[in-house]
């Protein structure tokens, strides 16, 4: 029962889409119809600049940390913290009040992972930096063909593909790493070019 309660509370927390509400409040713009149409930090940065990007990243990370904290408090084990985090990511990606059109969940996951297992979070931060560098290099070298959009936005996909592998290495193969795999697959399904 604690698992489902943690996931439900996480979902409710996750529905608080920082990018959407921040941009709507300060700029009067609905992110769901601006630029990429996602309710995440990158799109908030496009509309409002670097300050909006940073504020959204921090708020989304805090949302993930809060959801994981609630799960840990309810169940007392990492598995329940992951349930809260998984719920928050689902709420971030599919917020009911925004017609299920939210962000991608990367910052929310990252914030929760610092609480769940800092080694995974630190490793994923290094992967994210490397992936971003690779993204920039590919963007410069991608041929101007119909396949270029498939080659360029690899950072998010690379990060998400590495999550389960790193969690298996750090946690071993158990129910926690399987839940992280499910989390990564859910976010991977949501990825599209920004």
C-alpha atoms as a PDB file:
ATOM      1  CA  UNK A   1       0.000   0.000   0.000  1.00  0.00           C
ATOM      2  CA  UNK A   2       2.874   2.385   0.779  1.00  0.00           C
ATOM      3  CA  UNK A   3       4.196   1.871  -2.754  1.00  0.00           C
ATOM      4  CA  UNK A   4       0.970   3.096  -4.369  1.00  0.00           C
ATOM      5  CA  UNK A   5       0.527   5.921  -1.872  1.00  0.00           C
ATOM      6  CA  UNK A   6       4.092   7.101  -2.526  1.00  0.00           C
ATOM      7  CA  UNK A   7       3.519   6.913  -6.293  1.00  0.00           C
ATOM      8  CA  UNK A   8       0.207   8.788  -6.015  1.00  0.00           C
ATOM      9  CA  UNK A   9       1.667  11.571  -3.855  1.00  0.00           C
ATOM     10  CA  UNK A  10       4.625  11.710  -6.242  1.00  0.00           C
ATOM     11  CA  UNK A  11       2.250  12.071  -9.178  1.00  0.00           C
ATOM     12  CA  UNK A  12       0.446  14.968  -7.495  1.00  0.00           C
ATOM     13  CA  UNK A  13       3.783  16.674  -6.801  1.00  0.00           C
ATOM     14  CA  UNK A  14       4.935  15.965 -10.345  1.00  0.00           C
ATOM     15  CA  UNK A  15       1.873  17.671 -11.811  1.00  0.00           C
ATOM     16  CA  UNK A  16       3.236  20.974 -10.484  1.00  0.00           C
ATOM     17  CA  UNK A  17       4.907  21.812 -13.788  1.00  0.00           C
ATOM     18  CA  UNK A  18       7.379  24.570 -12.910  1.00  0.00           C
ATOM     19  CA  UNK A  19       8.135  25.527 -16.515  1.00  0.00           C
ATOM     20  CA  UNK A  20       4.500  25.928 -17.505  1.00  0.00           C
ATOM     21  CA  UNK A  21       3.435  27.944 -14.458  1.00  0.00           C
ATOM     22  CA  UNK A  22       6.570  30.095 -14.303  1.00  0.00           C
ATOM     23  CA  UNK A  23       6.379  31.079 -17.974  1.00  0.00           C
ATOM     24  CA  UNK A  24       2.607  31.547 -17.853  1.00  0.00           C
ATOM     25  CA  UNK A  25       2.923  33.773 -14.759  1.00  0.00           C
ATOM     26  CA  UNK A  26       5.890  35.886 -15.877  1.00  0.00           C
ATOM     27  CA  UNK A  27       5.459  35.966 -19.678  1.00  0.00           C
ATOM     28  CA  UNK A  28       1.796  35.046 -20.238  1.00  0.00           C
ATOM     29  CA  UNK A  29       2.808  32.290 -22.671  1.00  0.00           C
ATOM     30  CA  UNK A  30       1.421  28.754 -22.787  1.00  0.00           C
ATOM     31  CA  UNK A  31       4.495  26.533 -23.243  1.00  0.00           C
ATOM     32  CA  UNK A  32       2.359  23.806 -24.787  1.00  0.00           C
ATOM     33  CA  UNK A  33       2.040  25.942 -27.923  1.00  0.00           C
ATOM     34  CA  UNK A  34       5.463  27.639 -27.871  1.00  0.00           C
ATOM     35  CA  UNK A  35       8.583  26.279 -29.600  1.00  0.00           C
ATOM     36  CA  UNK A  36       8.801  22.506 -28.949  1.00  0.00           C
ATOM     37  CA  UNK A  37       5.517  22.408 -27.042  1.00  0.00           C
ATOM     38  CA  UNK A  38       6.979  20.696 -23.990  1.00  0.00           C
ATOM     39  CA  UNK A  39       6.643  21.879 -20.422  1.00  0.00           C
ATOM     40  CA  UNK A  40      10.290  21.564 -19.492  1.00  0.00           C
ATOM     41  CA  UNK A  41      13.356  23.624 -18.690  1.00  0.00           C
ATOM     42  CA  UNK A  42      14.695  23.819 -22.240  1.00  0.00           C
ATOM     43  CA  UNK A  43      11.461  25.226 -23.597  1.00  0.00           C
ATOM     44  CA  UNK A  44      11.133  27.591 -20.615  1.00  0.00           C
ATOM     45  CA  UNK A  45      14.647  28.818 -21.411  1.00  0.00           C
ATOM     46  CA  UNK A  46      13.701  29.472 -25.016  1.00  0.00           C
ATOM     47  CA  UNK A  47      10.760  31.633 -23.976  1.00  0.00           C
ATOM     48  CA  UNK A  48      12.198  33.328 -20.898  1.00  0.00           C
ATOM     49  CA  UNK A  49      15.968  33.043 -21.151  1.00  0.00           C
ATOM     50  CA  UNK A  50      18.651  31.507 -18.971  1.00  0.00           C
ATOM     51  CA  UNK A  51      17.024  32.545 -15.674  1.00  0.00           C
ATOM     52  CA  UNK A  52      13.848  30.665 -16.565  1.00  0.00           C
ATOM     53  CA  UNK A  53      15.880  27.607 -17.574  1.00  0.00           C
ATOM     54  CA  UNK A  54      17.820  27.575 -14.291  1.00  0.00           C
ATOM     55  CA  UNK A  55      14.759  28.239 -12.134  1.00  0.00           C
ATOM     56  CA  UNK A  56      12.841  25.453 -13.859  1.00  0.00           C
ATOM     57  CA  UNK A  57      15.730  22.986 -13.522  1.00  0.00           C
ATOM     58  CA  UNK A  58      16.027  23.718  -9.806  1.00  0.00           C
ATOM     59  CA  UNK A  59      12.284  23.550  -9.132  1.00  0.00           C
ATOM     60  CA  UNK A  60      11.918  20.300 -11.092  1.00  0.00           C
ATOM     61  CA  UNK A  61      14.894  18.775  -9.270  1.00  0.00           C
ATOM     62  CA  UNK A  62      13.402  19.807  -5.923  1.00  0.00           C
ATOM     63  CA  UNK A  63      10.107  18.237  -6.972  1.00  0.00           C
ATOM     64  CA  UNK A  64      11.898  14.930  -7.591  1.00  0.00           C
ATOM     65  CA  UNK A  65      13.718  15.167  -4.270  1.00  0.00           C
ATOM     66  CA  UNK A  66      10.462  15.920  -2.421  1.00  0.00           C
ATOM     67  CA  UNK A  67       8.669  12.967  -4.029  1.00  0.00           C
ATOM     68  CA  UNK A  68      11.533  10.591  -3.225  1.00  0.00           C
ATOM     69  CA  UNK A  69      11.594  11.916   0.362  1.00  0.00           C
ATOM     70  CA  UNK A  70       7.878  11.226   0.784  1.00  0.00           C
ATOM     71  CA  UNK A  71       8.352   7.698  -0.557  1.00  0.00           C
ATOM     72  CA  UNK A  72      11.277   7.018   1.767  1.00  0.00           C
ATOM     73  CA  UNK A  73       9.303   8.382   4.691  1.00  0.00           C
ATOM     74  CA  UNK A  74       6.264   6.222   3.880  1.00  0.00           C
ATOM     75  CA  UNK A  75       8.092   2.952   3.228  1.00  0.00           C
ATOM     76  CA  UNK A  76      11.499   3.330   4.829  1.00  0.00           C
ATOM     77  CA  UNK A  77      13.327   1.740   1.881  1.00  0.00           C
ATOM     78  CA  UNK A  78      14.833   2.919  -1.406  1.00  0.00           C
ATOM     79  CA  UNK A  79      12.114   1.066  -3.324  1.00  0.00           C
ATOM     80  CA  UNK A  80       9.447   3.357  -1.880  1.00  0.00           C
ATOM     81  CA  UNK A  81      11.556   6.434  -2.591  1.00  0.00           C
ATOM     82  CA  UNK A  82      11.783   5.268  -6.195  1.00  0.00           C
ATOM     83  CA  UNK A  83       7.998   4.771  -6.241  1.00  0.00           C
ATOM     84  CA  UNK A  84       7.525   8.406  -5.189  1.00  0.00           C
ATOM     85  CA  UNK A  85      10.066   9.532  -7.770  1.00  0.00           C
ATOM     86  CA  UNK A  86       8.437   7.427 -10.507  1.00  0.00           C
ATOM     87  CA  UNK A  87       5.080   8.999  -9.657  1.00  0.00           C
ATOM     88  CA  UNK A  88       6.614  12.486  -9.818  1.00  0.00           C
ATOM     89  CA  UNK A  89       8.122  11.795 -13.225  1.00  0.00           C
ATOM     90  CA  UNK A  90       4.787  10.486 -14.511  1.00  0.00           C
ATOM     91  CA  UNK A  91       3.114  13.620 -13.143  1.00  0.00           C
ATOM     92  CA  UNK A  92       5.741  15.805 -14.796  1.00  0.00           C
ATOM     93  CA  UNK A  93       5.423  14.069 -18.170  1.00  0.00           C
ATOM     94  CA  UNK A  94       1.637  13.580 -18.061  1.00  0.00           C
ATOM     95  CA  UNK A  95       0.082  16.284 -15.837  1.00  0.00           C
ATOM     96  CA  UNK A  96      -3.685  15.771 -15.777  1.00  0.00           C
ATOM     97  CA  UNK A  97      -4.476  19.490 -15.408  1.00  0.00           C
ATOM     98  CA  UNK A  98      -2.438  20.302 -18.557  1.00  0.00           C
ATOM     99  CA  UNK A  99      -4.147  17.701 -20.758  1.00  0.00           C
ATOM    100  CA  UNK A 100      -1.267  15.261 -20.111  1.00  0.00           C
ATOM    101  CA  UNK A 101       1.252  17.476 -21.951  1.00  0.00           C
ATOM    102  CA  UNK A 102       4.246  18.110 -19.733  1.00  0.00           C
ATOM    103  CA  UNK A 103       8.021  17.886 -19.830  1.00  0.00           C
ATOM    104  CA  UNK A 104      10.415  14.996 -20.246  1.00  0.00           C
ATOM    105  CA  UNK A 105      11.275  14.280 -16.613  1.00  0.00           C
ATOM    106  CA  UNK A 106      15.067  14.480 -16.718  1.00  0.00           C
ATOM    107  CA  UNK A 107      15.526  17.192 -14.066  1.00  0.00           C
ATOM    108  CA  UNK A 108      12.873  15.622 -11.829  1.00  0.00           C
ATOM    109  CA  UNK A 109      14.648  12.268 -12.014  1.00  0.00           C
ATOM    110  CA  UNK A 110      18.026  13.866 -11.457  1.00  0.00           C
ATOM    111  CA  UNK A 111      16.824  15.637  -8.309  1.00  0.00           C
ATOM    112  CA  UNK A 112      15.305  12.486  -6.840  1.00  0.00           C
ATOM    113  CA  UNK A 113      18.374  10.405  -7.644  1.00  0.00           C
ATOM    114  CA  UNK A 114      20.581  12.628  -5.481  1.00  0.00           C
ATOM    115  CA  UNK A 115      18.527  11.448  -2.523  1.00  0.00           C
ATOM    116  CA  UNK A 116      18.087   7.827  -3.650  1.00  0.00           C
ATOM    117  CA  UNK A 117      21.736   7.211  -4.550  1.00  0.00           C
ATOM    118  CA  UNK A 118      24.199  10.054  -4.971  1.00  0.00           C
ATOM    119  CA  UNK A 119      26.665   7.821  -6.885  1.00  0.00           C
ATOM    120  CA  UNK A 120      24.101   7.234  -9.634  1.00  0.00           C
ATOM    121  CA  UNK A 121      23.251  10.953  -9.718  1.00  0.00           C
ATOM    122  CA  UNK A 122      26.903  11.981  -9.884  1.00  0.00           C
ATOM    123  CA  UNK A 123      27.654   9.484 -12.645  1.00  0.00           C
ATOM    124  CA  UNK A 124      24.591  10.590 -14.583  1.00  0.00           C
ATOM    125  CA  UNK A 125      25.705  14.211 -14.244  1.00  0.00           C
ATOM    126  CA  UNK A 126      29.022  13.283 -15.879  1.00  0.00           C
ATOM    127  CA  UNK A 127      27.174  11.393 -18.639  1.00  0.00           C
ATOM    128  CA  UNK A 128      24.922  14.435 -19.166  1.00  0.00           C
ATOM    129  CA  UNK A 129      27.907  16.760 -19.618  1.00  0.00           C
ATOM    130  CA  UNK A 130      29.562  14.333 -22.051  1.00  0.00           C
ATOM    131  CA  UNK A 131      26.290  13.866 -23.953  1.00  0.00           C
ATOM    132  CA  UNK A 132      25.784  17.624 -24.248  1.00  0.00           C
ATOM    133  CA  UNK A 133      29.292  18.014 -25.701  1.00  0.00           C
ATOM    134  CA  UNK A 134      28.511  15.206 -28.155  1.00  0.00           C
ATOM    135  CA  UNK A 135      25.205  16.873 -29.042  1.00  0.00           C
ATOM    136  CA  UNK A 136      26.967  20.126 -29.905  1.00  0.00           C
ATOM    137  CA  UNK A 137      29.571  18.340 -32.046  1.00  0.00           C
ATOM    138  CA  UNK A 138      26.916  16.381 -33.923  1.00  0.00           C
ATOM    139  CA  UNK A 139      24.853  19.521 -34.459  1.00  0.00           C
ATOM    140  CA  UNK A 140      27.790  21.166 -36.183  1.00  0.00           C
ATOM    141  CA  UNK A 141      28.647  18.139 -38.319  1.00  0.00           C
ATOM    142  CA  UNK A 142      25.203  16.732 -39.129  1.00  0.00           C
ATOM    143  CA  UNK A 143      24.526  16.757 -42.847  1.00  0.00           C
ATOM    144  CA  UNK A 144      21.644  18.872 -44.044  1.00  0.00           C
ATOM    145  CA  UNK A 145      19.492  15.872 -44.850  1.00  0.00           C
ATOM    146  CA  UNK A 146      16.199  14.509 -43.704  1.00  0.00           C
ATOM    147  CA  UNK A 147      18.087  12.327 -41.208  1.00  0.00           C
ATOM    148  CA  UNK A 148      19.864  15.192 -39.401  1.00  0.00           C
ATOM    149  CA  UNK A 149      17.098  15.626 -36.764  1.00  0.00           C
ATOM    150  CA  UNK A 150      17.572  11.984 -35.775  1.00  0.00           C
ATOM    151  CA  UNK A 151      21.306  12.412 -35.278  1.00  0.00           C
ATOM    152  CA  UNK A 152      21.394  15.640 -33.301  1.00  0.00           C
ATOM    153  CA  UNK A 153      19.287  15.264 -30.119  1.00  0.00           C
ATOM    154  CA  UNK A 154      21.230  12.350 -28.623  1.00  0.00           C
ATOM    155  CA  UNK A 155      21.973  13.821 -25.190  1.00  0.00           C
ATOM    156  CA  UNK A 156      18.651  12.931 -23.581  1.00  0.00           C
ATOM    157  CA  UNK A 157      18.589   9.483 -25.147  1.00  0.00           C
ATOM    158  CA  UNK A 158      22.177   8.751 -24.108  1.00  0.00           C
ATOM    159  CA  UNK A 159      21.502   9.839 -20.533  1.00  0.00           C
ATOM    160  CA  UNK A 160      18.378   7.714 -20.291  1.00  0.00           C
ATOM    161  CA  UNK A 161      20.037   4.694 -21.850  1.00  0.00           C
ATOM    162  CA  UNK A 162      22.852   4.907 -19.317  1.00  0.00           C
ATOM    163  CA  UNK A 163      20.589   5.156 -16.242  1.00  0.00           C
ATOM    164  CA  UNK A 164      19.700   1.444 -16.023  1.00  0.00           C
ATOM    165  CA  UNK A 165      23.259   0.326 -16.785  1.00  0.00           C
ATOM    166  CA  UNK A 166      24.712   2.547 -14.072  1.00  0.00           C
ATOM    167  CA  UNK A 167      22.015   1.541 -11.585  1.00  0.00           C
ATOM    168  CA  UNK A 168      22.728  -2.157 -12.246  1.00  0.00           C
ATOM    169  CA  UNK A 169      26.436  -1.480 -11.646  1.00  0.00           C
ATOM    170  CA  UNK A 170      25.815   0.489  -8.434  1.00  0.00           C
ATOM    171  CA  UNK A 171      22.797  -1.308  -6.938  1.00  0.00           C
ATOM    172  CA  UNK A 172      23.077  -4.733  -8.519  1.00  0.00           C
ATOM    173  CA  UNK A 173      20.179  -6.454 -10.220  1.00  0.00           C
ATOM    174  CA  UNK A 174      17.227  -6.078  -7.861  1.00  0.00           C
ATOM    175  CA  UNK A 175      13.755  -4.523  -7.662  1.00  0.00           C
ATOM    176  CA  UNK A 176      15.291  -1.046  -7.275  1.00  0.00           C
ATOM    177  CA  UNK A 177      17.291  -1.262 -10.486  1.00  0.00           C
ATOM    178  CA  UNK A 178      14.269  -2.721 -12.291  1.00  0.00           C
ATOM    179  CA  UNK A 179      12.181   0.272 -11.195  1.00  0.00           C
ATOM    180  CA  UNK A 180      14.945   2.585 -12.452  1.00  0.00           C
ATOM    181  CA  UNK A 181      14.825   0.695 -15.768  1.00  0.00           C
ATOM    182  CA  UNK A 182      11.049   1.264 -15.952  1.00  0.00           C
ATOM    183  CA  UNK A 183      11.599   4.945 -15.135  1.00  0.00           C
ATOM    184  CA  UNK A 184      14.228   5.301 -17.876  1.00  0.00           C
ATOM    185  CA  UNK A 185      12.039   3.526 -20.448  1.00  0.00           C
ATOM    186  CA  UNK A 186       9.104   5.798 -19.586  1.00  0.00           C
ATOM    187  CA  UNK A 187      11.222   8.902 -20.109  1.00  0.00           C
ATOM    188  CA  UNK A 188      12.852   7.460 -23.230  1.00  0.00           C
ATOM    189  CA  UNK A 189       9.408   6.973 -24.766  1.00  0.00           C
ATOM    190  CA  UNK A 190       8.710  10.680 -24.131  1.00  0.00           C
ATOM    191  CA  UNK A 191      11.887  11.934 -25.800  1.00  0.00           C
ATOM    192  CA  UNK A 192      11.635  13.801 -29.045  1.00  0.00           C
ATOM    193  CA  UNK A 193      13.769  16.476 -30.578  1.00  0.00           C
ATOM    194  CA  UNK A 194      13.698  19.783 -28.790  1.00  0.00           C
END
